[in-house]
């Protein structure tokens, strides 16, 4: 398996925080988004650790650079992306993040606050 085999966007049910990370494996790179609920990841750094474990479990030897993160709120039919991680700050392109989430979840209206 390589970084290109893992999904770009993974939102666990009832997620409240997300990170955007750049994975590097040799000359290859991939941007991914991971979101988790407070029960499994109270902090953005916890999500980064879960991502590292995901890669390790898949046998992928890649570096993880967290580009930033924020919060996600579920409203009726809508995912709202906002805020910024106190550790990593906001990712450089929140609209790009929203486009990736929209592509992964076309049934949801994704907005940026």
PDB file of N, CA and C in Angstrom:
ATOM      1  N   UNK A   1       0.831  -1.193   0.000  1.00  0.00           N
ATOM      2  CA  UNK A   1       0.000   0.000   0.000  1.00  0.00           C
ATOM      3  C   UNK A   1       0.870   1.249   0.000  1.00  0.00           C
ATOM      4  N   UNK A   2       0.337   2.298  -0.609  1.00  0.00           N
ATOM      5  CA  UNK A   2       1.008   3.596  -0.610  1.00  0.00           C
ATOM      6  C   UNK A   2       0.030   4.658  -0.119  1.00  0.00           C
ATOM      7  N   UNK A   3       0.521   5.883   0.025  1.00  0.00           N
ATOM      8  CA  UNK A   3      -0.363   6.968   0.474  1.00  0.00           C
ATOM      9  C   UNK A   3      -1.519   7.191  -0.500  1.00  0.00           C
ATOM     10  N   UNK A   4      -1.337   6.800  -1.752  1.00  0.00           N
ATOM     11  CA  UNK A   4      -2.389   7.015  -2.752  1.00  0.00           C
ATOM     12  C   UNK A   4      -3.547   6.037  -2.594  1.00  0.00           C
ATOM     13  N   UNK A   5      -3.365   5.006  -1.756  1.00  0.00           N
ATOM     14  CA  UNK A   5      -4.417   4.022  -1.525  1.00  0.00           C
ATOM     15  C   UNK A   5      -5.353   4.392  -0.376  1.00  0.00           C
ATOM     16  N   UNK A   6      -4.996   5.384   0.420  1.00  0.00           N
ATOM     17  CA  UNK A   6      -5.865   5.749   1.543  1.00  0.00           C
ATOM     18  C   UNK A   6      -6.808   6.874   1.117  1.00  0.00           C
ATOM     19  N   UNK A   7      -7.991   6.942   1.732  1.00  0.00           N
ATOM     20  CA  UNK A   7      -8.960   7.979   1.335  1.00  0.00           C
ATOM     21  C   UNK A   7      -8.474   9.378   1.660  1.00  0.00           C
ATOM     22  N   UNK A   8      -8.847  10.319   0.804  1.00  0.00           N
ATOM     23  CA  UNK A   8      -8.471  11.722   1.031  1.00  0.00           C
ATOM     24  C   UNK A   8      -9.199  12.319   2.218  1.00  0.00           C
ATOM     25  N   UNK A   9     -10.473  11.993   2.372  1.00  0.00           N
ATOM     26  CA  UNK A   9     -11.292  12.613   3.412  1.00  0.00           C
ATOM     27  C   UNK A   9     -11.983  11.523   4.231  1.00  0.00           C
ATOM     28  N   UNK A  10     -11.800  11.592   5.550  1.00  0.00           N
ATOM     29  CA  UNK A  10     -12.495  10.684   6.460  1.00  0.00           C
ATOM     30  C   UNK A  10     -13.069  11.515   7.603  1.00  0.00           C
ATOM     31  N   UNK A  11     -14.387  11.499   7.724  1.00  0.00           N
ATOM     32  CA  UNK A  11     -15.082  12.166   8.830  1.00  0.00           C
ATOM     33  C   UNK A  11     -15.775  11.082   9.642  1.00  0.00           C
ATOM     34  N   UNK A  12     -15.353  10.894  10.882  1.00  0.00           N
ATOM     35  CA  UNK A  12     -16.057   9.976  11.767  1.00  0.00           C
ATOM     36  C   UNK A  12     -17.408  10.604  12.129  1.00  0.00           C
ATOM     37  N   UNK A  13     -18.412   9.783  12.422  1.00  0.00           N
ATOM     38  CA  UNK A  13     -19.710  10.348  12.818  1.00  0.00           C
ATOM     39  C   UNK A  13     -19.575  11.264  14.037  1.00  0.00           C
ATOM     40  N   UNK A  14     -20.312  12.342  14.016  1.00  0.00           N
ATOM     41  CA  UNK A  14     -20.355  13.314  15.120  1.00  0.00           C
ATOM     42  C   UNK A  14     -18.995  13.978  15.370  1.00  0.00           C
ATOM     43  N   UNK A  15     -18.241  14.174  14.298  1.00  0.00           N
ATOM     44  CA  UNK A  15     -16.938  14.821  14.420  1.00  0.00           C
ATOM     45  C   UNK A  15     -17.102  16.261  14.883  1.00  0.00           C
ATOM     46  N   UNK A  16     -16.075  16.752  15.579  1.00  0.00           N
ATOM     47  CA  UNK A  16     -16.133  18.141  16.011  1.00  0.00           C
ATOM     48  C   UNK A  16     -14.854  18.899  15.670  1.00  0.00           C
ATOM     49  N   UNK A  17     -13.774  18.199  15.384  1.00  0.00           N
ATOM     50  CA  UNK A  17     -12.522  18.843  14.975  1.00  0.00           C
ATOM     51  C   UNK A  17     -11.958  18.112  13.773  1.00  0.00           C
ATOM     52  N   UNK A  18     -11.213  18.870  12.953  1.00  0.00           N
ATOM     53  CA  UNK A  18     -10.573  18.245  11.798  1.00  0.00           C
ATOM     54  C   UNK A  18      -9.164  18.791  11.631  1.00  0.00           C
ATOM     55  N   UNK A  19      -8.346  18.001  10.930  1.00  0.00           N
ATOM     56  CA  UNK A  19      -7.025  18.468  10.509  1.00  0.00           C
ATOM     57  C   UNK A  19      -6.889  18.264   9.011  1.00  0.00           C
ATOM     58  N   UNK A  20      -6.027  19.068   8.415  1.00  0.00           N
ATOM     59  CA  UNK A  20      -5.594  18.888   7.040  1.00  0.00           C
ATOM     60  C   UNK A  20      -4.103  18.586   7.130  1.00  0.00           C
ATOM     61  N   UNK A  21      -3.679  17.490   6.493  1.00  0.00           N
ATOM     62  CA  UNK A  21      -2.285  17.073   6.599  1.00  0.00           C
ATOM     63  C   UNK A  21      -1.722  16.745   5.229  1.00  0.00           C
ATOM     64  N   UNK A  22      -0.431  16.976   5.090  1.00  0.00           N
ATOM     65  CA  UNK A  22       0.298  16.595   3.884  1.00  0.00           C
ATOM     66  C   UNK A  22       1.081  15.329   4.215  1.00  0.00           C
ATOM     67  N   UNK A  23       0.822  14.281   3.447  1.00  0.00           N
ATOM     68  CA  UNK A  23       1.558  13.034   3.599  1.00  0.00           C
ATOM     69  C   UNK A  23       2.671  13.000   2.565  1.00  0.00           C
ATOM     70  N   UNK A  24       3.841  12.556   2.968  1.00  0.00           N
ATOM     71  CA  UNK A  24       4.975  12.434   2.041  1.00  0.00           C
ATOM     72  C   UNK A  24       5.548  11.039   2.153  1.00  0.00           C
ATOM     73  N   UNK A  25       5.702  10.420   0.998  1.00  0.00           N
ATOM     74  CA  UNK A  25       6.272   9.076   0.908  1.00  0.00           C
ATOM     75  C   UNK A  25       7.200   9.082  -0.302  1.00  0.00           C
ATOM     76  N   UNK A  26       8.500   9.172  -0.044  1.00  0.00           N
ATOM     77  CA  UNK A  26       9.450   9.327  -1.145  1.00  0.00           C
ATOM     78  C   UNK A  26       9.181  10.644  -1.854  1.00  0.00           C
ATOM     79  N   UNK A  27       8.991  10.582  -3.153  1.00  0.00           N
ATOM     80  CA  UNK A  27       8.707  11.780  -3.943  1.00  0.00           C
ATOM     81  C   UNK A  27       7.211  12.093  -4.025  1.00  0.00           C
ATOM     82  N   UNK A  28       6.384  11.212  -3.506  1.00  0.00           N
ATOM     83  CA  UNK A  28       4.932  11.373  -3.596  1.00  0.00           C
ATOM     84  C   UNK A  28       4.385  12.144  -2.399  1.00  0.00           C
ATOM     85  N   UNK A  29       3.381  12.981  -2.663  1.00  0.00           N
ATOM     86  CA  UNK A  29       2.686  13.699  -1.593  1.00  0.00           C
ATOM     87  C   UNK A  29       1.184  13.581  -1.819  1.00  0.00           C
ATOM     88  N   UNK A  30       0.448  13.732  -0.736  1.00  0.00           N
ATOM     89  CA  UNK A  30      -1.011  13.694  -0.812  1.00  0.00           C
ATOM     90  C   UNK A  30      -1.568  14.496   0.353  1.00  0.00           C
ATOM     91  N   UNK A  31      -2.569  15.316   0.079  1.00  0.00           N
ATOM     92  CA  UNK A  31      -3.257  16.067   1.115  1.00  0.00           C
ATOM     93  C   UNK A  31      -4.471  15.262   1.567  1.00  0.00           C
ATOM     94  N   UNK A  32      -4.631  15.139   2.895  1.00  0.00           N
ATOM     95  CA  UNK A  32      -5.760  14.404   3.447  1.00  0.00           C
ATOM     96  C   UNK A  32      -6.422  15.225   4.545  1.00  0.00           C
ATOM     97  N   UNK A  33      -7.683  14.903   4.791  1.00  0.00           N
ATOM     98  CA  UNK A  33      -8.447  15.539   5.854  1.00  0.00           C
ATOM     99  C   UNK A  33      -8.981  14.430   6.754  1.00  0.00           C
ATOM    100  N   UNK A  34      -8.836  14.631   8.052  1.00  0.00           N
ATOM    101  CA  UNK A  34      -9.372  13.684   9.030  1.00  0.00           C
ATOM    102  C   UNK A  34     -10.140  14.457  10.086  1.00  0.00           C
ATOM    103  N   UNK A  35     -11.323  13.951  10.452  1.00  0.00           N
ATOM    104  CA  UNK A  35     -12.148  14.572  11.491  1.00  0.00           C
ATOM    105  C   UNK A  35     -12.583  13.506  12.479  1.00  0.00           C
ATOM    106  N   UNK A  36     -12.634  13.894  13.753  1.00  0.00           N
ATOM    107  CA  UNK A  36     -12.971  12.958  14.814  1.00  0.00           C
ATOM    108  C   UNK A  36     -13.883  13.610  15.848  1.00  0.00           C
ATOM    109  N   UNK A  37     -14.676  12.785  16.553  1.00  0.00           N
ATOM    110  CA  UNK A  37     -15.498  13.296  17.647  1.00  0.00           C
ATOM    111  C   UNK A  37     -14.660  13.462  18.912  1.00  0.00           C
ATOM    112  N   UNK A  38     -15.180  14.190  19.901  1.00  0.00           N
ATOM    113  CA  UNK A  38     -14.397  14.439  21.121  1.00  0.00           C
ATOM    114  C   UNK A  38     -14.049  13.170  21.895  1.00  0.00           C
ATOM    115  N   UNK A  39     -14.865  12.120  21.766  1.00  0.00           N
ATOM    116  CA  UNK A  39     -14.591  10.890  22.506  1.00  0.00           C
ATOM    117  C   UNK A  39     -13.290  10.226  22.071  1.00  0.00           C
ATOM    118  N   UNK A  40     -12.924  10.349  20.809  1.00  0.00           N
ATOM    119  CA  UNK A  40     -11.708   9.692  20.324  1.00  0.00           C
ATOM    120  C   UNK A  40     -10.553  10.653  20.101  1.00  0.00           C
ATOM    121  N   UNK A  41     -10.840  11.941  20.030  1.00  0.00           N
ATOM    122  CA  UNK A  41      -9.769  12.922  19.789  1.00  0.00           C
ATOM    123  C   UNK A  41     -10.217  14.284  20.315  1.00  0.00           C
ATOM    124  N   UNK A  42      -9.823  14.584  21.520  1.00  0.00           N
ATOM    125  CA  UNK A  42     -10.204  15.857  22.110  1.00  0.00           C
ATOM    126  C   UNK A  42      -9.439  17.044  21.556  1.00  0.00           C
ATOM    127  N   UNK A  43      -8.279  16.764  20.968  1.00  0.00           N
ATOM    128  CA  UNK A  43      -7.409  17.820  20.452  1.00  0.00           C
ATOM    129  C   UNK A  43      -7.002  17.498  19.018  1.00  0.00           C
ATOM    130  N   UNK A  44      -6.615  18.535  18.280  1.00  0.00           N
ATOM    131  CA  UNK A  44      -6.164  18.335  16.908  1.00  0.00           C
ATOM    132  C   UNK A  44      -4.950  17.411  16.861  1.00  0.00           C
ATOM    133  N   UNK A  45      -4.056  17.513  17.838  1.00  0.00           N
ATOM    134  CA  UNK A  45      -2.875  16.643  17.878  1.00  0.00           C
ATOM    135  C   UNK A  45      -3.275  15.175  18.017  1.00  0.00           C
ATOM    136  N   UNK A  46      -4.397  14.911  18.694  1.00  0.00           N
ATOM    137  CA  UNK A  46      -4.881  13.531  18.808  1.00  0.00           C
ATOM    138  C   UNK A  46      -5.293  12.987  17.444  1.00  0.00           C
ATOM    139  N   UNK A  47      -5.886  13.830  16.622  1.00  0.00           N
ATOM    140  CA  UNK A  47      -6.278  13.405  15.271  1.00  0.00           C
ATOM    141  C   UNK A  47      -5.031  13.090  14.458  1.00  0.00           C
ATOM    142  N   UNK A  48      -3.986  13.904  14.607  1.00  0.00           N
ATOM    143  CA  UNK A  48      -2.730  13.647  13.897  1.00  0.00           C
ATOM    144  C   UNK A  48      -2.140  12.300  14.320  1.00  0.00           C
ATOM    145  N   UNK A  49      -2.222  11.980  15.607  1.00  0.00           N
ATOM    146  CA  UNK A  49      -1.721  10.685  16.091  1.00  0.00           C
ATOM    147  C   UNK A  49      -2.533   9.532  15.507  1.00  0.00           C
ATOM    148  N   UNK A  50      -3.854   9.703  15.433  1.00  0.00           N
ATOM    149  CA  UNK A  50      -4.694   8.668  14.830  1.00  0.00           C
ATOM    150  C   UNK A  50      -4.357   8.471  13.352  1.00  0.00           C
ATOM    151  N   UNK A  51      -4.072   9.550  12.644  1.00  0.00           N
ATOM    152  CA  UNK A  51      -3.679   9.458  11.238  1.00  0.00           C
ATOM    153  C   UNK A  51      -2.358   8.695  11.110  1.00  0.00           C
ATOM    154  N   UNK A  52      -1.407   9.001  11.974  1.00  0.00           N
ATOM    155  CA  UNK A  52      -0.118   8.287  11.936  1.00  0.00           C
ATOM    156  C   UNK A  52      -0.330   6.797  12.180  1.00  0.00           C
ATOM    157  N   UNK A  53      -1.219   6.458  13.126  1.00  0.00           N
ATOM    158  CA  UNK A  53      -1.525   5.039  13.390  1.00  0.00           C
ATOM    159  C   UNK A  53      -2.212   4.382  12.192  1.00  0.00           C
ATOM    160  N   UNK A  54      -3.089   5.134  11.522  1.00  0.00           N
ATOM    161  CA  UNK A  54      -3.765   4.623  10.326  1.00  0.00           C
ATOM    162  C   UNK A  54      -2.741   4.231   9.268  1.00  0.00           C
ATOM    163  N   UNK A  55      -1.763   5.099   9.057  1.00  0.00           N
ATOM    164  CA  UNK A  55      -0.718   4.817   8.072  1.00  0.00           C
ATOM    165  C   UNK A  55       0.111   3.614   8.499  1.00  0.00           C
ATOM    166  N   UNK A  56       0.489   3.593   9.762  1.00  0.00           N
ATOM    167  CA  UNK A  56       1.316   2.499  10.283  1.00  0.00           C
ATOM    168  C   UNK A  56       0.579   1.162  10.147  1.00  0.00           C
ATOM    169  N   UNK A  57      -0.702   1.146  10.481  1.00  0.00           N
ATOM    170  CA  UNK A  57      -1.498  -0.082  10.376  1.00  0.00           C
ATOM    171  C   UNK A  57      -1.588  -0.579   8.940  1.00  0.00           C
ATOM    172  N   UNK A  58      -1.556   0.348   7.991  1.00  0.00           N
ATOM    173  CA  UNK A  58      -1.616  -0.012   6.571  1.00  0.00           C
ATOM    174  C   UNK A  58      -0.237  -0.352   6.011  1.00  0.00           C
ATOM    175  N   UNK A  59       0.799  -0.252   6.857  1.00  0.00           N
ATOM    176  CA  UNK A  59       2.154  -0.548   6.394  1.00  0.00           C
ATOM    177  C   UNK A  59       2.752   0.546   5.537  1.00  0.00           C
ATOM    178  N   UNK A  60       2.242   1.766   5.683  1.00  0.00           N
ATOM    179  CA  UNK A  60       2.716   2.890   4.885  1.00  0.00           C
ATOM    180  C   UNK A  60       3.726   3.682   5.706  1.00  0.00           C
ATOM    181  N   UNK A  61       4.915   3.845   5.158  1.00  0.00           N
ATOM    182  CA  UNK A  61       5.963   4.614   5.828  1.00  0.00           C
ATOM    183  C   UNK A  61       5.997   6.009   5.215  1.00  0.00           C
ATOM    184  N   UNK A  62       5.202   6.893   5.792  1.00  0.00           N
ATOM    185  CA  UNK A  62       5.086   8.253   5.259  1.00  0.00           C
ATOM    186  C   UNK A  62       5.221   9.238   6.399  1.00  0.00           C
ATOM    187  N   UNK A  63       5.705  10.425   6.072  1.00  0.00           N
ATOM    188  CA  UNK A  63       5.732  11.490   7.076  1.00  0.00           C
ATOM    189  C   UNK A  63       4.406  12.244   7.010  1.00  0.00           C
ATOM    190  N   UNK A  64       4.012  12.787   8.157  1.00  0.00           N
ATOM    191  CA  UNK A  64       2.762  13.534   8.275  1.00  0.00           C
ATOM    192  C   UNK A  64       3.090  14.945   8.713  1.00  0.00           C
ATOM    193  N   UNK A  65       2.704  15.923   7.892  1.00  0.00           N
ATOM    194  CA  UNK A  65       2.847  17.331   8.263  1.00  0.00           C
ATOM    195  C   UNK A  65       1.451  17.921   8.363  1.00  0.00           C
ATOM    196  N   UNK A  66       1.061  18.311   9.566  1.00  0.00           N
ATOM    197  CA  UNK A  66      -0.257  18.921   9.747  1.00  0.00           C
ATOM    198  C   UNK A  66      -0.179  20.366   9.264  1.00  0.00           C
ATOM    199  N   UNK A  67      -1.034  20.699   8.296  1.00  0.00           N
ATOM    200  CA  UNK A  67      -1.051  22.041   7.709  1.00  0.00           C
ATOM    201  C   UNK A  67      -1.948  22.991   8.498  1.00  0.00           C
ATOM    202  N   UNK A  68      -2.858  22.434   9.277  1.00  0.00           N
ATOM    203  CA  UNK A  68      -3.778  23.232  10.072  1.00  0.00           C
ATOM    204  C   UNK A  68      -5.039  22.454  10.337  1.00  0.00           C
ATOM    205  N   UNK A  69      -5.978  23.129  10.969  1.00  0.00           N
ATOM    206  CA  UNK A  69      -7.228  22.453  11.283  1.00  0.00           C
ATOM    207  C   UNK A  69      -8.248  23.420  11.821  1.00  0.00           C
ATOM    208  N   UNK A  70      -9.393  22.877  12.163  1.00  0.00           N
ATOM    209  CA  UNK A  70     -10.471  23.708  12.680  1.00  0.00           C
ATOM    210  C   UNK A  70     -11.558  22.854  13.274  1.00  0.00           C
ATOM    211  N   UNK A  71     -12.749  23.421  13.299  1.00  0.00           N
ATOM    212  CA  UNK A  71     -13.899  22.713  13.855  1.00  0.00           C
ATOM    213  C   UNK A  71     -14.892  22.400  12.750  1.00  0.00           C
ATOM    214  N   UNK A  72     -15.693  21.393  12.997  1.00  0.00           N
ATOM    215  CA  UNK A  72     -16.767  21.043  12.074  1.00  0.00           C
ATOM    216  C   UNK A  72     -18.034  20.872  12.901  1.00  0.00           C
ATOM    217  N   UNK A  73     -19.103  21.455  12.411  1.00  0.00           N
ATOM    218  CA  UNK A  73     -20.406  21.329  13.070  1.00  0.00           C
ATOM    219  C   UNK A  73     -21.387  20.729  12.077  1.00  0.00           C
ATOM    220  N   UNK A  74     -22.170  19.781  12.562  1.00  0.00           N
ATOM    221  CA  UNK A  74     -23.234  19.203  11.749  1.00  0.00           C
ATOM    222  C   UNK A  74     -24.518  19.950  12.052  1.00  0.00           C
ATOM    223  N   UNK A  75     -25.088  20.524  11.022  1.00  0.00           N
ATOM    224  CA  UNK A  75     -26.425  21.111  11.122  1.00  0.00           C
ATOM    225  C   UNK A  75     -27.284  20.350  10.135  1.00  0.00           C
ATOM    226  N   UNK A  76     -28.551  20.514  10.161  1.00  0.00           N
ATOM    227  CA  UNK A  76     -29.443  19.736   9.298  1.00  0.00           C
ATOM    228  C   UNK A  76     -28.982  19.827   7.847  1.00  0.00           C
ATOM    229  N   UNK A  77     -28.450  18.722   7.320  1.00  0.00           N
ATOM    230  CA  UNK A  77     -28.002  18.661   5.936  1.00  0.00           C
ATOM    231  C   UNK A  77     -26.769  19.476   5.604  1.00  0.00           C
ATOM    232  N   UNK A  78     -26.108  20.045   6.615  1.00  0.00           N
ATOM    233  CA  UNK A  78     -24.985  20.955   6.375  1.00  0.00           C
ATOM    234  C   UNK A  78     -23.813  20.627   7.289  1.00  0.00           C
ATOM    235  N   UNK A  79     -22.617  20.672   6.736  1.00  0.00           N
ATOM    236  CA  UNK A  79     -21.382  20.623   7.513  1.00  0.00           C
ATOM    237  C   UNK A  79     -20.784  22.020   7.488  1.00  0.00           C
ATOM    238  N   UNK A  80     -20.502  22.572   8.651  1.00  0.00           N
ATOM    239  CA  UNK A  80     -19.953  23.921   8.755  1.00  0.00           C
ATOM    240  C   UNK A  80     -18.498  23.806   9.212  1.00  0.00           C
ATOM    241  N   UNK A  81     -17.580  24.296   8.387  1.00  0.00           N
ATOM    242  CA  UNK A  81     -16.157  24.297   8.714  1.00  0.00           C
ATOM    243  C   UNK A  81     -15.787  25.677   9.228  1.00  0.00           C
ATOM    244  N   UNK A  82     -15.123  25.735  10.376  1.00  0.00           N
ATOM    245  CA  UNK A  82     -14.749  27.030  10.932  1.00  0.00           C
ATOM    246  C   UNK A  82     -13.615  26.905  11.919  1.00  0.00           C
ATOM    247  N   UNK A  83     -13.297  28.005  12.561  1.00  0.00           N
ATOM    248  CA  UNK A  83     -12.305  28.026  13.615  1.00  0.00           C
ATOM    249  C   UNK A  83     -10.894  27.706  13.148  1.00  0.00           C
ATOM    250  N   UNK A  84     -10.026  27.518  14.132  1.00  0.00           N
ATOM    251  CA  UNK A  84      -8.625  27.197  13.860  1.00  0.00           C
ATOM    252  C   UNK A  84      -8.065  26.419  15.046  1.00  0.00           C
ATOM    253  N   UNK A  85      -7.167  25.535  14.758  1.00  0.00           N
ATOM    254  CA  UNK A  85      -6.475  24.782  15.805  1.00  0.00           C
ATOM    255  C   UNK A  85      -5.583  25.725  16.605  1.00  0.00           C
ATOM    256  N   UNK A  86      -5.580  25.571  17.932  1.00  0.00           N
ATOM    257  CA  UNK A  86      -4.696  26.409  18.738  1.00  0.00           C
ATOM    258  C   UNK A  86      -3.240  25.984  18.578  1.00  0.00           C
ATOM    259  N   UNK A  87      -2.999  24.751  18.183  1.00  0.00           N
ATOM    260  CA  UNK A  87      -1.632  24.257  17.989  1.00  0.00           C
ATOM    261  C   UNK A  87      -1.138  24.499  16.566  1.00  0.00           C
ATOM    262  N   UNK A  88      -1.971  24.162  15.573  1.00  0.00           N
ATOM    263  CA  UNK A  88      -1.550  24.200  14.168  1.00  0.00           C
ATOM    264  C   UNK A  88      -2.054  25.420  13.409  1.00  0.00           C
ATOM    265  N   UNK A  89      -3.022  26.145  13.957  1.00  0.00           N
ATOM    266  CA  UNK A  89      -3.640  27.238  13.227  1.00  0.00           C
ATOM    267  C   UNK A  89      -4.612  26.700  12.191  1.00  0.00           C
ATOM    268  N   UNK A  90      -5.135  27.588  11.377  1.00  0.00           N
ATOM    269  CA  UNK A  90      -6.026  27.183  10.285  1.00  0.00           C
ATOM    270  C   UNK A  90      -5.179  26.762   9.090  1.00  0.00           C
ATOM    271  N   UNK A  91      -5.685  25.822   8.340  1.00  0.00           N
ATOM    272  CA  UNK A  91      -4.972  25.412   7.126  1.00  0.00           C
ATOM    273  C   UNK A  91      -4.937  26.582   6.151  1.00  0.00           C
ATOM    274  N   UNK A  92      -3.963  26.610   5.228  1.00  0.00           N
ATOM    275  CA  UNK A  92      -3.794  27.773   4.361  1.00  0.00           C
ATOM    276  C   UNK A  92      -4.937  28.032   3.374  1.00  0.00           C
ATOM    277  N   UNK A  93      -5.733  27.001   3.048  1.00  0.00           N
ATOM    278  CA  UNK A  93      -6.767  27.173   2.026  1.00  0.00           C
ATOM    279  C   UNK A  93      -8.071  26.524   2.492  1.00  0.00           C
ATOM    280  N   UNK A  94      -8.841  27.222   3.302  1.00  0.00           N
ATOM    281  CA  UNK A  94     -10.086  26.660   3.854  1.00  0.00           C
ATOM    282  C   UNK A  94     -11.082  26.353   2.742  1.00  0.00           C
ATOM    283  N   UNK A  95     -11.140  27.181   1.706  1.00  0.00           N
ATOM    284  CA  UNK A  95     -12.052  26.888   0.588  1.00  0.00           C
ATOM    285  C   UNK A  95     -11.630  25.607  -0.131  1.00  0.00           C
ATOM    286  N   UNK A  96     -10.318  25.379  -0.228  1.00  0.00           N
ATOM    287  CA  UNK A  96      -9.827  24.119  -0.811  1.00  0.00           C
ATOM    288  C   UNK A  96     -10.240  22.929   0.038  1.00  0.00           C
ATOM    289  N   UNK A  97     -10.183  23.103   1.352  1.00  0.00           N
ATOM    290  CA  UNK A  97     -10.643  22.058   2.269  1.00  0.00           C
ATOM    291  C   UNK A  97     -12.125  21.779   2.024  1.00  0.00           C
ATOM    292  N   UNK A  98     -12.910  22.837   1.923  1.00  0.00           N
ATOM    293  CA  UNK A  98     -14.354  22.677   1.682  1.00  0.00           C
ATOM    294  C   UNK A  98     -14.613  21.947   0.368  1.00  0.00           C
ATOM    295  N   UNK A  99     -13.842  22.244  -0.672  1.00  0.00           N
ATOM    296  CA  UNK A  99     -14.016  21.553  -1.959  1.00  0.00           C
ATOM    297  C   UNK A  99     -13.743  20.059  -1.808  1.00  0.00           C
ATOM    298  N   UNK A 100     -12.694  19.708  -1.064  1.00  0.00           N
ATOM    299  CA  UNK A 100     -12.378  18.285  -0.846  1.00  0.00           C
ATOM    300  C   UNK A 100     -13.507  17.588  -0.083  1.00  0.00           C
ATOM    301  N   UNK A 101     -14.054  18.261   0.923  1.00  0.00           N
ATOM    302  CA  UNK A 101     -15.137  17.674   1.718  1.00  0.00           C
ATOM    303  C   UNK A 101     -16.394  17.529   0.858  1.00  0.00           C
ATOM    304  N   UNK A 102     -16.693  18.541   0.041  1.00  0.00           N
ATOM    305  CA  UNK A 102     -17.858  18.462  -0.857  1.00  0.00           C
ATOM    306  C   UNK A 102     -17.723  17.278  -1.819  1.00  0.00           C
ATOM    307  N   UNK A 103     -16.531  17.068  -2.356  1.00  0.00           N
ATOM    308  CA  UNK A 103     -16.308  15.965  -3.290  1.00  0.00           C
ATOM    309  C   UNK A 103     -16.500  14.616  -2.591  1.00  0.00           C
ATOM    310  N   UNK A 104     -16.090  14.539  -1.331  1.00  0.00           N
ATOM    311  CA  UNK A 104     -16.213  13.286  -0.580  1.00  0.00           C
ATOM    312  C   UNK A 104     -17.646  13.029  -0.116  1.00  0.00           C
ATOM    313  N   UNK A 105     -18.389  14.111   0.159  1.00  0.00           N
ATOM    314  CA  UNK A 105     -19.751  14.003   0.691  1.00  0.00           C
ATOM    315  C   UNK A 105     -20.708  14.878  -0.108  1.00  0.00           C
ATOM    316  N   UNK A 106     -20.993  14.503  -1.351  1.00  0.00           N
ATOM    317  CA  UNK A 106     -21.849  15.352  -2.192  1.00  0.00           C
ATOM    318  C   UNK A 106     -23.269  15.515  -1.646  1.00  0.00           C
ATOM    319  N   UNK A 107     -23.684  14.627  -0.747  1.00  0.00           N
ATOM    320  CA  UNK A 107     -25.036  14.723  -0.186  1.00  0.00           C
ATOM    321  C   UNK A 107     -25.139  15.834   0.870  1.00  0.00           C
ATOM    322  N   UNK A 108     -24.019  16.374   1.313  1.00  0.00           N
ATOM    323  CA  UNK A 108     -24.001  17.429   2.336  1.00  0.00           C
ATOM    324  C   UNK A 108     -23.749  18.797   1.684  1.00  0.00           C
ATOM    325  N   UNK A 109     -24.377  19.799   2.237  1.00  0.00           N
ATOM    326  CA  UNK A 109     -24.051  21.174   1.903  1.00  0.00           C
ATOM    327  C   UNK A 109     -22.869  21.531   2.817  1.00  0.00           C
ATOM    328  N   UNK A 110     -21.740  21.933   2.255  1.00  0.00           N
ATOM    329  CA  UNK A 110     -20.550  22.262   3.048  1.00  0.00           C
ATOM    330  C   UNK A 110     -20.319  23.754   2.947  1.00  0.00           C
ATOM    331  N   UNK A 111     -20.275  24.414   4.108  1.00  0.00           N
ATOM    332  CA  UNK A 111     -20.062  25.856   4.151  1.00  0.00           C
ATOM    333  C   UNK A 111     -18.877  26.189   5.048  1.00  0.00           C
ATOM    334  N   UNK A 112     -18.294  27.346   4.789  1.00  0.00           N
ATOM    335  CA  UNK A 112     -17.170  27.835   5.575  1.00  0.00           C
ATOM    336  C   UNK A 112     -17.623  29.049   6.356  1.00  0.00           C
ATOM    337  N   UNK A 113     -17.334  29.064   7.650  1.00  0.00           N
ATOM    338  CA  UNK A 113     -17.650  30.235   8.481  1.00  0.00           C
ATOM    339  C   UNK A 113     -16.361  30.879   8.927  1.00  0.00           C
TER     340      UNK A 113
END
